[in-house]
């Protein structure tokens, strides 16, 4: 069975759980479902083995996971000594058995489930967690030893994620749990909820006749969401205390992620995230902003605070300014994780100078776009070092209806350097203060690039890098939140072609770029 391709942190079209997936046991279940836990862990181990960034033995996965029992009850200690797998408590051995064969993923899953059952029988704390709570804790401890983004999503959360990824419709209202019930927190403009007069602060009492009190937020959100074009009936109590019934037709809700404005000779395009229509809206805003008698002298792409989104939208956004060339590549142990994403577009700006603003909160898809435009010498990046979030995930369904998100590849910029950990290092740094920025701009106006040495070291970096080395490289322009100096620097560059050119060129490509095989990018992914 093929894995679900790329959840990027970036995710591609995921594999959905089968219709026969077992229902989620509730936290207070009296019986421990050992068979389910064994099946889930065995399936997870088998899926992870060929795909994790670094190879991990099944016995290590198992022992890491079993530390979750210690988390629930410190008296419980798993051991693998002298060919025996044991769970011990003070003064006694709760279970001892021969370990499974080294390459038996499902055997190790069942062994872990047996240990968990022994802990359940001996510990009130373990029983209080319930089957699903125990399973979640085992996964938490396992992933503590891998990377920051691999995780297990329990059934209810996984169902909500599947609905969100599938592009199903909604009403355009964000809910929040409050006072034992649920209130409307946000209402999107021109959405079904807004047109029906639903306002922030309204209480949601029932969905399709089912009361919401006592339910989980994820379950209520899932019940409001559904196929686009279908109807949903809501019982709403307004802030005036009156209750009314509202019937809405679900619609595909996409957040507004692009706004544009003119600031003197600059066209500033703010991109807050990369959702399903971001590239199209960016193109529209760019074309609209360039229309008219007074053409701007430069385009500013503001990615500060942008936490990412769909990788395909970042690639499409690059094509708006970059007619050709490599946008990004991914590489991992599994050959199926290798992809190259090539631009094949049209520069809608007509070759105008482009400034990309980033800060310490710019992440994943935003970093990919900034890195592509900088490495391809199409834009000058201004601001501070970015977050450094560039790991790709693949998704697998599990027998309990949950999902597994496993990091299986790294994102590489066109020059071959890894985004994960390093982040994007700007060509013009603003995080060192106004004095340092003015000195840098002055040097650039004379054809000198003060960041040249730091940028060269950054561009030749290759994964995996020791954390200390990554930190040293990033310290050339420490991460910081966006500031007014960013726009000041952009304005100076737009009005000084010499400084812009000196900043734009940056270091030459490394002698040998890290490249992956050239594959057609799958149609959807997320970061």
Protein backbone atom coordinates (compact mmCIF):
# COMPACT_ATOMS: atom_id res chain seq x y z
CA UNK A 1 0.00 0.00 0.00
CA UNK A 2 1.43 3.33 -1.02
CA UNK A 3 1.83 5.94 1.73
CA UNK A 4 -0.06 9.14 1.72
CA UNK A 5 2.33 11.53 0.06
CA UNK A 6 3.74 14.58 1.71
CA UNK A 7 2.17 16.35 4.60
CA UNK A 8 4.48 19.29 4.80
CA UNK A 9 4.32 20.33 7.13
CA UNK A 10 3.91 19.74 4.06
CA UNK A 11 1.19 17.19 3.16
CA UNK A 12 0.13 15.89 -0.16
CA UNK A 13 -3.11 14.12 -0.82
CA UNK A 14 -3.36 11.80 2.23
CA UNK A 15 -4.56 8.28 2.48
CA UNK A 16 -7.88 8.19 4.31
CA UNK A 17 -8.73 5.72 7.02
CA UNK A 18 -10.69 2.73 5.79
CA UNK A 19 -14.40 2.54 6.33
CA UNK A 20 -13.82 -0.39 8.64
CA UNK A 21 -11.67 1.56 11.10
CA UNK A 22 -12.58 0.78 14.67
CA UNK A 23 -14.37 3.33 16.79
CA UNK A 24 -12.44 5.31 19.38
CA UNK A 25 -12.68 3.85 22.88
CA UNK A 26 -13.74 6.54 25.33
CA UNK A 27 -11.32 7.60 28.02
CA UNK A 28 -13.30 6.09 30.83
CA UNK A 29 -13.59 2.60 29.35
CA UNK A 30 -13.27 -0.06 32.04
CA UNK A 31 -11.55 -2.69 29.90
CA UNK A 32 -8.15 -2.20 28.32
CA UNK A 33 -8.33 -2.95 24.59
CA UNK A 34 -5.03 -4.77 24.28
CA UNK A 35 -5.74 -6.07 20.79
CA UNK A 36 -6.46 -2.58 19.44
CA UNK A 37 -3.33 -1.10 21.05
CA UNK A 38 -1.20 -3.91 19.59
CA UNK A 39 -2.68 -3.46 16.12
CA UNK A 40 -2.19 0.32 16.18
CA UNK A 41 1.41 0.16 17.42
CA UNK A 42 2.32 -2.65 15.00
CA UNK A 43 0.90 -0.73 12.04
CA UNK A 44 2.68 2.42 13.18
CA UNK A 45 6.04 0.67 13.60
CA UNK A 46 5.74 -0.97 10.18
CA UNK A 47 4.89 2.34 8.49
CA UNK A 48 7.66 4.27 10.23
CA UNK A 49 10.54 1.84 9.63
CA UNK A 50 11.43 2.76 6.02
CA UNK A 51 10.37 6.41 6.26
CA UNK A 52 11.85 8.15 9.31
CA UNK A 53 14.70 10.54 8.53
CA UNK A 54 17.09 8.28 10.43
CA UNK A 55 16.74 4.50 10.67
CA UNK A 56 15.24 3.34 13.98
CA UNK A 57 15.07 -0.28 15.18
CA UNK A 58 11.70 -1.68 16.29
CA UNK A 59 13.04 -2.43 19.75
CA UNK A 60 14.03 1.22 20.16
CA UNK A 61 10.59 2.39 19.01
CA UNK A 62 9.03 0.02 21.53
CA UNK A 63 11.19 1.01 24.49
CA UNK A 64 10.72 4.71 23.76
CA UNK A 65 6.97 4.24 23.60
CA UNK A 66 6.85 2.21 26.82
CA UNK A 67 8.40 5.13 28.68
CA UNK A 68 4.88 6.52 28.40
CA UNK A 69 3.84 4.10 31.16
CA UNK A 70 6.49 5.69 33.38
CA UNK A 71 5.05 9.10 32.52
CA UNK A 72 1.63 7.95 33.74
CA UNK A 73 3.01 6.16 36.80
CA UNK A 74 6.67 6.72 37.78
CA UNK A 75 6.73 3.38 39.61
CA UNK A 76 6.47 1.51 36.28
CA UNK A 77 9.79 0.88 34.54
CA UNK A 78 10.18 -0.94 31.19
CA UNK A 79 13.46 -2.80 30.68
CA UNK A 80 15.19 -4.76 27.93
CA UNK A 81 18.08 -6.61 29.54
CA UNK A 82 19.89 -9.88 28.84
CA UNK A 83 17.42 -10.92 26.18
CA UNK A 84 14.31 -10.29 28.32
CA UNK A 85 11.65 -7.60 27.95
CA UNK A 86 10.23 -6.68 31.35
CA UNK A 87 7.93 -4.24 33.08
CA UNK A 88 8.88 -3.82 36.71
CA UNK A 89 7.42 -2.04 39.71
CA UNK A 90 9.00 -1.61 43.14
CA UNK A 91 9.77 -5.07 44.50
CA UNK A 92 8.17 -7.08 41.69
CA UNK A 93 8.19 -7.96 38.01
CA UNK A 94 4.80 -7.27 36.41
CA UNK A 95 5.59 -9.01 33.12
CA UNK A 96 8.62 -10.68 31.57
CA UNK A 97 8.81 -12.16 28.07
CA UNK A 98 11.19 -12.99 25.25
CA UNK A 99 11.48 -10.09 22.77
CA UNK A 100 10.04 -10.63 19.29
CA UNK A 101 12.34 -11.09 16.28
CA UNK A 102 14.20 -7.87 15.47
CA UNK A 103 12.34 -7.28 12.16
CA UNK A 104 8.81 -8.16 13.38
CA UNK A 105 6.99 -4.82 13.56
CA UNK A 106 3.67 -6.31 14.63
CA UNK A 107 5.38 -8.57 17.15
CA UNK A 108 6.91 -5.55 18.84
CA UNK A 109 3.56 -3.78 18.71
CA UNK A 110 1.89 -6.69 20.48
CA UNK A 111 4.72 -6.87 23.03
CA UNK A 112 4.22 -3.20 23.84
CA UNK A 113 0.48 -3.78 24.20
CA UNK A 114 1.13 -6.66 26.64
CA UNK A 115 3.36 -4.41 28.71
CA UNK A 116 0.72 -1.70 28.67
CA UNK A 117 -1.88 -4.23 29.83
CA UNK A 118 0.37 -5.27 32.70
CA UNK A 119 0.74 -1.62 33.66
CA UNK A 120 -3.05 -1.16 33.41
CA UNK A 121 -3.69 -4.06 35.77
CA UNK A 122 -1.19 -2.75 38.33
CA UNK A 123 -1.75 1.03 38.25
CA UNK A 124 -4.72 3.25 39.00
CA UNK A 125 -3.00 6.09 37.13
CA UNK A 126 -2.75 4.04 33.95
CA UNK A 127 -6.38 2.92 34.19
CA UNK A 128 -7.48 6.53 34.74
CA UNK A 129 -6.02 7.45 31.34
CA UNK A 130 -8.24 4.95 29.50
CA UNK A 131 -7.19 2.95 26.46
CA UNK A 132 -7.01 5.96 24.18
CA UNK A 133 -5.12 8.00 26.75
CA UNK A 134 -2.55 5.23 27.21
CA UNK A 135 -2.11 4.92 23.46
CA UNK A 136 -1.66 8.66 23.08
CA UNK A 137 0.94 8.74 25.87
CA UNK A 138 2.89 5.88 24.30
CA UNK A 139 3.05 7.78 21.02
CA UNK A 140 3.99 11.02 22.77
CA UNK A 141 7.02 9.39 24.35
CA UNK A 142 7.99 7.66 21.10
CA UNK A 143 7.93 10.92 19.14
CA UNK A 144 9.89 12.75 21.83
CA UNK A 145 12.88 10.81 20.44
CA UNK A 146 12.30 11.62 16.75
CA UNK A 147 11.59 15.17 15.61
CA UNK A 148 9.37 18.13 16.57
CA UNK A 149 6.62 17.41 14.04
CA UNK A 150 5.95 13.67 13.86
CA UNK A 151 2.81 12.90 15.87
CA UNK A 152 -0.22 10.72 16.41
CA UNK A 153 -3.71 12.15 15.93
CA UNK A 154 -6.43 10.27 17.87
CA UNK A 155 -9.63 9.35 15.99
CA UNK A 156 -11.72 12.49 16.61
CA UNK A 157 -8.83 14.81 15.79
CA UNK A 158 -7.91 12.73 12.74
CA UNK A 159 -11.48 12.91 11.45
CA UNK A 160 -11.47 16.70 11.76
CA UNK A 161 -8.13 16.82 9.95
CA UNK A 162 -9.45 14.62 7.13
CA UNK A 163 -12.45 16.89 6.70
CA UNK A 164 -10.24 19.95 6.60
CA UNK A 165 -7.83 18.42 4.08
CA UNK A 166 -10.61 17.19 1.81
CA UNK A 167 -11.80 20.75 1.21
CA UNK A 168 -15.29 20.09 2.54
CA UNK A 169 -17.59 22.96 3.21
CA UNK A 170 -18.25 24.93 6.34
CA UNK A 171 -20.28 27.89 7.54
CA UNK A 172 -17.44 30.38 8.01
CA UNK A 173 -17.60 30.53 11.81
CA UNK A 174 -14.93 29.54 14.31
CA UNK A 175 -16.16 28.01 17.56
CA UNK A 176 -14.65 28.05 21.03
CA UNK A 177 -15.52 26.02 24.14
CA UNK A 178 -16.74 28.24 26.95
CA UNK A 179 -18.76 27.71 30.12
CA UNK A 180 -19.61 24.10 29.31
CA UNK A 181 -20.95 25.09 25.89
CA UNK A 182 -19.78 26.61 22.64
CA UNK A 183 -19.67 30.19 21.43
CA UNK A 184 -18.96 31.71 18.04
CA UNK A 185 -15.49 33.23 18.25
CA UNK A 186 -14.99 34.53 14.71
CA UNK A 187 -17.22 34.96 11.66
CA UNK A 188 -15.64 35.25 8.23
CA UNK A 189 -16.84 38.04 5.98
CA UNK A 190 -19.29 37.02 3.22
CA UNK A 191 -19.69 33.49 4.59
CA UNK A 192 -22.94 31.52 5.16
CA UNK A 193 -22.74 32.36 8.88
CA UNK A 194 -22.25 36.09 8.21
CA UNK A 195 -25.14 36.19 5.74
CA UNK A 196 -27.39 34.47 8.30
CA UNK A 197 -26.65 37.15 10.88
CA UNK A 198 -24.51 34.98 13.18
CA UNK A 199 -22.16 37.15 15.22
CA UNK A 200 -19.19 36.60 17.55
CA UNK A 201 -20.46 35.87 21.05
CA UNK A 202 -23.55 33.92 19.89
CA UNK A 203 -23.98 30.53 21.57
CA UNK A 204 -24.38 27.32 19.58
CA UNK A 205 -26.94 25.18 21.37
CA UNK A 206 -27.60 22.39 18.87
CA UNK A 207 -26.57 21.10 15.44
CA UNK A 208 -29.24 19.31 13.38
CA UNK A 209 -31.29 18.87 16.55
CA UNK A 210 -28.44 17.40 18.61
CA UNK A 211 -27.54 19.41 21.70
CA UNK A 212 -23.92 20.47 21.94
CA UNK A 213 -23.60 20.68 25.73
CA UNK A 214 -21.14 18.10 27.03
CA UNK A 215 -19.70 17.39 23.58
CA UNK A 216 -16.09 17.80 22.49
CA UNK A 217 -15.10 20.85 20.45
CA UNK A 218 -13.65 18.68 17.68
CA UNK A 219 -16.91 16.72 17.43
CA UNK A 220 -19.05 19.86 17.26
CA UNK A 221 -16.77 21.41 14.66
CA UNK A 222 -16.94 18.22 12.60
CA UNK A 223 -20.75 18.19 12.78
CA UNK A 224 -20.95 21.75 11.47
CA UNK A 225 -18.55 20.89 8.65
CA UNK A 226 -19.67 18.71 5.76
CA UNK A 227 -19.84 18.35 1.99
CA UNK A 228 -20.06 21.63 0.14
CA UNK A 229 -23.66 22.48 -0.84
CA UNK A 230 -25.31 20.47 1.94
CA UNK A 231 -27.56 22.01 4.60
CA UNK A 232 -27.03 22.20 8.34
CA UNK A 233 -29.50 23.43 10.95
CA UNK A 234 -28.22 25.36 13.96
CA UNK A 235 -29.89 26.46 17.17
CA UNK A 236 -28.33 29.82 18.11
CA UNK A 237 -28.81 31.95 21.20
CA UNK A 238 -27.80 35.54 20.51
CA UNK A 239 -26.25 37.95 22.93
CA UNK A 240 -29.74 39.38 23.48
CA UNK A 241 -30.77 36.04 25.02
CA UNK A 242 -33.12 35.07 22.20
CA UNK A 243 -32.87 31.65 20.62
CA UNK A 244 -33.47 31.09 16.93
CA UNK A 245 -33.16 28.29 14.40
CA UNK A 246 -30.92 28.93 11.40
CA UNK A 247 -30.52 26.72 8.36
CA UNK A 248 -27.33 27.25 6.37
CA UNK A 249 -25.91 25.78 3.20
CA UNK A 250 -22.28 24.80 3.63
CA UNK A 251 -19.75 26.45 1.32
CA UNK A 252 -16.05 26.01 0.68
CA UNK A 253 -14.47 28.52 3.05
CA UNK A 254 -11.07 29.90 2.15
CA UNK A 255 -9.46 32.54 4.34
CA UNK A 256 -8.48 35.83 2.76
CA UNK A 257 -4.71 35.60 2.71
CA UNK A 258 -3.62 38.40 0.36
CA UNK A 259 -4.08 42.16 0.65
CA UNK A 260 -2.41 44.91 -1.34
CA UNK A 261 -1.67 48.58 -0.84
CA UNK A 262 0.39 51.36 -2.38
CA UNK A 263 2.99 53.16 -0.27
CA UNK A 264 4.61 55.85 -2.36
CA UNK A 265 6.49 54.15 -5.21
CA UNK A 266 6.07 50.68 -3.70
CA UNK A 267 3.31 48.12 -4.20
CA UNK A 268 3.08 46.17 -0.92
CA UNK A 269 1.45 42.73 -1.05
CA UNK A 270 0.77 41.16 2.36
CA UNK A 271 0.49 37.35 2.39
CA UNK A 272 -0.68 35.98 5.74
CA UNK A 273 -0.74 32.26 4.82
CA UNK A 274 -0.79 29.91 1.84
CA UNK A 275 -4.30 28.50 1.41
CA UNK A 276 -6.03 27.04 -1.64
CA UNK A 277 -6.35 30.29 -3.59
CA UNK A 278 -3.38 32.33 -2.31
CA UNK A 279 -1.38 32.26 -5.56
CA UNK A 280 -4.41 33.29 -7.64
CA UNK A 281 -5.19 36.14 -5.25
CA UNK A 282 -1.55 37.20 -5.24
CA UNK A 283 -1.51 37.32 -9.04
CA UNK A 284 -4.73 39.31 -9.04
CA UNK A 285 -3.42 41.79 -6.47
CA UNK A 286 -0.15 42.18 -8.39
CA UNK A 287 -1.85 42.83 -11.74
CA UNK A 288 -4.33 45.21 -10.13
CA UNK A 289 -1.60 47.07 -8.27
CA UNK A 290 0.44 47.58 -11.45
CA UNK A 291 -2.52 48.93 -13.42
CA UNK A 292 -2.97 52.64 -13.86
CA UNK A 293 -0.87 55.56 -15.01
CA UNK A 294 1.63 55.51 -12.13
CA UNK A 295 3.51 52.22 -12.16
CA UNK A 296 5.31 51.45 -8.89
CA UNK A 297 9.10 51.27 -8.87
CA UNK A 298 9.16 48.04 -6.91
CA UNK A 299 7.08 45.25 -5.39
CA UNK A 300 7.27 44.35 -1.70
CA UNK A 301 6.12 40.85 -0.76
CA UNK A 302 5.42 40.89 2.98
CA UNK A 303 5.72 37.38 4.48
CA UNK A 304 6.31 38.49 8.06
CA UNK A 305 4.33 36.36 10.52
CA UNK A 306 3.33 33.95 7.73
CA UNK A 307 3.37 30.45 9.25
CA UNK A 308 2.99 28.59 5.96
CA UNK A 309 0.22 26.52 4.42
CA UNK A 310 0.03 24.68 1.11
CA UNK A 311 3.37 24.00 -0.55
CA UNK A 312 1.77 23.94 -3.99
CA UNK A 313 0.60 27.53 -3.41
CA UNK A 314 4.13 28.61 -2.48
CA UNK A 315 5.39 27.05 -5.72
CA UNK A 316 2.60 28.72 -7.71
CA UNK A 317 3.36 32.05 -6.01
CA UNK A 318 7.01 31.71 -7.03
CA UNK A 319 5.91 31.23 -10.64
CA UNK A 320 4.20 34.64 -10.56
CA UNK A 321 7.63 36.28 -10.28
CA UNK A 322 9.97 33.50 -11.44
CA UNK A 323 9.47 32.26 -15.04
CA UNK A 324 11.69 29.19 -14.67
CA UNK A 325 14.08 27.41 -12.36
CA UNK A 326 14.05 25.19 -9.29
CA UNK A 327 11.76 26.37 -6.51
CA UNK A 328 12.49 23.67 -3.92
CA UNK A 329 13.43 20.03 -3.56
CA UNK A 330 12.76 17.36 -0.94
CA UNK A 331 15.00 14.44 0.05
CA UNK A 332 14.67 11.54 2.49
CA UNK A 333 15.58 7.87 3.02
CA UNK A 334 12.52 6.65 1.15
CA UNK A 335 12.99 7.20 -2.63
CA UNK A 336 9.31 8.20 -2.84
CA UNK A 337 10.11 11.23 -0.68
CA UNK A 338 12.31 12.83 -3.36
CA UNK A 339 10.72 15.58 -5.46
CA UNK A 340 11.84 18.63 -7.38
CA UNK A 341 9.42 21.53 -7.82
CA UNK A 342 10.17 23.56 -10.92
CA UNK A 343 8.79 26.97 -11.86
CA UNK A 344 7.11 27.28 -15.24
CA UNK A 345 5.38 30.63 -15.11
CA UNK A 346 5.44 34.27 -16.17
CA UNK A 347 6.87 37.25 -14.33
CA UNK A 348 3.71 39.31 -13.90
CA UNK A 349 5.71 42.19 -12.45
CA UNK A 350 7.47 42.82 -15.74
CA UNK A 351 10.88 42.55 -14.10
CA UNK A 352 10.34 45.17 -11.39
CA UNK A 353 12.60 44.99 -8.32
CA UNK A 354 11.12 42.65 -5.70
CA UNK A 355 11.73 42.87 -1.96
CA UNK A 356 10.62 40.01 0.30
CA UNK A 357 10.07 40.87 3.97
CA UNK A 358 10.53 38.06 6.50
CA UNK A 359 10.93 37.77 10.26
CA UNK A 360 11.43 35.14 12.94
CA UNK A 361 7.84 33.99 12.58
CA UNK A 362 7.97 33.35 8.81
CA UNK A 363 7.84 29.57 8.39
CA UNK A 364 7.65 26.60 6.00
CA UNK A 365 5.86 27.61 2.76
CA UNK A 366 6.77 31.27 3.37
CA UNK A 367 10.41 30.25 3.80
CA UNK A 368 10.29 28.14 0.64
CA UNK A 369 9.05 31.08 -1.42
CA UNK A 370 11.61 33.51 0.07
CA UNK A 371 14.46 31.01 -0.41
CA UNK A 372 13.49 30.32 -4.03
CA UNK A 373 13.34 34.00 -5.00
CA UNK A 374 16.63 34.74 -3.22
CA UNK A 375 18.58 31.74 -4.57
CA UNK A 376 17.30 32.40 -8.09
CA UNK A 377 18.40 36.07 -7.79
CA UNK A 378 14.86 37.32 -8.36
CA UNK A 379 14.33 39.13 -5.05
CA UNK A 380 16.18 40.67 -2.13
CA UNK A 381 15.12 39.23 1.22
CA UNK A 382 14.96 41.81 4.02
CA UNK A 383 14.39 41.24 7.74
CA UNK A 384 15.78 38.61 10.09
CA UNK A 385 16.49 34.89 10.11
CA UNK A 386 13.25 32.98 9.71
CA UNK A 387 11.85 30.17 11.87
CA UNK A 388 13.52 27.27 10.04
CA UNK A 389 10.60 24.86 9.55
CA UNK A 390 11.34 22.63 6.59
CA UNK A 391 10.45 19.02 7.28
CA UNK A 392 8.03 17.08 5.10
CA UNK A 393 5.52 14.62 6.55
CA UNK A 394 3.62 11.66 5.19
CA UNK A 395 0.33 10.46 6.66
CA UNK A 396 -0.95 6.95 7.35
CA UNK A 397 -4.32 5.78 8.68
CA UNK A 398 -4.29 3.54 11.76
CA UNK A 399 -6.63 0.71 12.80
CA UNK A 400 -8.28 2.83 15.53
CA UNK A 401 -9.33 5.54 13.05
CA UNK A 402 -6.45 7.78 14.10
CA UNK A 403 -3.65 8.97 11.87
CA UNK A 404 0.13 8.95 11.97
CA UNK A 405 2.13 11.97 10.77
CA UNK A 406 5.73 10.91 10.12
CA UNK A 407 8.53 13.22 9.01
CA UNK A 408 10.17 11.57 6.02
CA UNK A 409 12.10 14.24 4.13
CA UNK A 410 13.81 17.61 4.34
CA UNK A 411 13.06 20.64 2.20
CA UNK A 412 16.07 21.97 0.31
CA UNK A 413 16.36 25.42 -1.25
CA UNK A 414 17.55 25.71 -4.88
CA UNK A 415 21.21 25.95 -3.78
CA UNK A 416 20.75 22.73 -1.77
CA UNK A 417 20.80 24.10 1.79
CA UNK A 418 18.21 22.77 4.28
CA UNK A 419 15.46 25.09 5.50
CA UNK A 420 14.90 23.03 8.65
CA UNK A 421 16.84 24.58 11.52
CA UNK A 422 18.73 27.08 9.34
CA UNK A 423 15.81 29.12 8.08
CA UNK A 424 16.27 31.84 5.47
CA UNK A 425 19.09 34.30 6.09
CA UNK A 426 18.18 37.71 4.61
CA UNK A 427 20.43 39.60 2.24
CA UNK A 428 19.64 42.78 4.17
CA UNK A 429 19.45 42.41 7.95
CA UNK A 430 17.25 44.67 10.08
CA UNK A 431 17.33 42.85 13.41
CA UNK A 432 20.63 44.45 14.51
CA UNK A 433 19.05 47.90 14.73
CA UNK A 434 18.89 51.11 12.73
CA UNK A 435 22.57 51.98 12.95
CA UNK A 436 23.70 48.62 11.60
CA UNK A 437 21.08 48.78 8.85
CA UNK A 438 22.20 52.24 7.68
CA UNK A 439 25.82 51.07 7.52
CA UNK A 440 24.74 48.05 5.50
CA UNK A 441 22.69 50.14 3.07
CA UNK A 442 25.58 52.53 2.64
CA UNK A 443 27.94 49.67 1.80
CA UNK A 444 25.43 48.22 -0.66
CA UNK A 445 25.13 51.57 -2.42
CA UNK A 446 28.90 51.36 -3.03
CA UNK A 447 28.61 47.84 -4.42
CA UNK A 448 29.69 45.98 -1.27
CA UNK A 449 27.62 43.28 0.43
CA UNK A 450 28.37 43.14 4.20
CA UNK A 451 26.38 39.91 4.50
CA UNK A 452 28.35 38.16 1.73
CA UNK A 453 30.48 35.94 3.98
CA UNK A 454 27.54 34.95 6.19
CA UNK A 455 25.36 34.26 3.15
CA UNK A 456 28.07 32.12 1.53
CA UNK A 457 28.41 30.01 4.67
CA UNK A 458 24.64 29.71 4.88
CA UNK A 459 24.27 28.64 1.23
CA UNK A 460 26.92 25.89 1.36
CA UNK A 461 25.46 24.32 4.53
CA UNK A 462 24.24 20.76 4.10
CA UNK A 463 22.04 18.56 6.28
CA UNK A 464 22.42 17.24 8.86
CA UNK A 465 24.06 20.15 10.67
CA UNK A 466 25.02 20.24 14.37
CA UNK A 467 22.67 22.60 16.27
CA UNK A 468 25.60 24.74 17.40
CA UNK A 469 26.69 25.33 13.81
CA UNK A 470 23.14 26.21 12.73
CA UNK A 471 22.86 28.70 15.58
CA UNK A 472 26.19 30.28 14.68
CA UNK A 473 25.09 30.75 11.05
CA UNK A 474 21.73 32.19 12.06
CA UNK A 475 23.37 34.62 14.49
CA UNK A 476 24.62 36.63 11.52
CA UNK A 477 21.09 38.10 11.55
CA UNK A 478 19.24 36.97 14.70
CA UNK A 479 15.55 36.15 14.42
CA UNK A 480 13.23 38.97 15.47
CA UNK A 481 9.67 40.16 14.91
CA UNK A 482 8.99 42.42 11.97
CA UNK A 483 9.63 46.13 12.46
CA UNK A 484 9.28 49.48 10.67
CA UNK A 485 12.92 49.22 9.62
CA UNK A 486 11.92 46.46 7.18
CA UNK A 487 9.81 48.83 5.08
CA UNK A 488 12.43 51.56 5.43
CA UNK A 489 15.07 49.20 4.00
CA UNK A 490 12.72 48.13 1.19
CA UNK A 491 12.08 51.75 0.24
CA UNK A 492 15.81 52.52 0.18
CA UNK A 493 16.54 49.52 -2.05
CA UNK A 494 13.74 50.34 -4.47
CA UNK A 495 15.11 53.88 -4.91
CA UNK A 496 18.76 52.82 -5.15
CA UNK A 497 19.26 50.38 -8.06
CA UNK A 498 22.94 49.99 -7.24
CA UNK A 499 22.24 48.90 -3.67
CA UNK A 500 19.44 46.61 -4.85
CA UNK A 501 21.75 44.97 -7.38
CA UNK A 502 24.55 44.46 -4.85
CA UNK A 503 22.11 42.86 -2.40
CA UNK A 504 20.42 40.78 -5.09
CA UNK A 505 23.44 38.98 -6.46
CA UNK A 506 24.50 37.44 -3.18
CA UNK A 507 26.86 34.45 -3.23
CA UNK A 508 27.26 32.27 -6.36
CA UNK A 509 25.71 28.80 -6.40
CA UNK A 510 27.79 26.16 -4.58
CA UNK A 511 29.93 24.02 -6.91
CA UNK A 512 27.66 21.01 -6.50
CA UNK A 513 24.03 21.64 -5.67
CA UNK A 514 22.12 18.98 -3.77
CA UNK A 515 19.53 17.84 -6.31
CA UNK A 516 16.88 15.16 -6.25
CA UNK A 517 15.38 13.35 -9.20
CA UNK A 518 13.06 15.57 -11.19
CA UNK A 519 9.51 14.43 -10.50
CA UNK A 520 6.16 15.98 -11.24
CA UNK A 521 4.83 17.53 -8.06
CA UNK A 522 1.68 15.87 -6.74
CA UNK A 523 -1.36 18.15 -6.81
CA UNK A 524 -1.75 19.10 -3.15
CA UNK A 525 0.44 19.46 -0.09
CA UNK A 526 0.56 21.32 3.14
CA UNK A 527 3.28 22.74 5.32
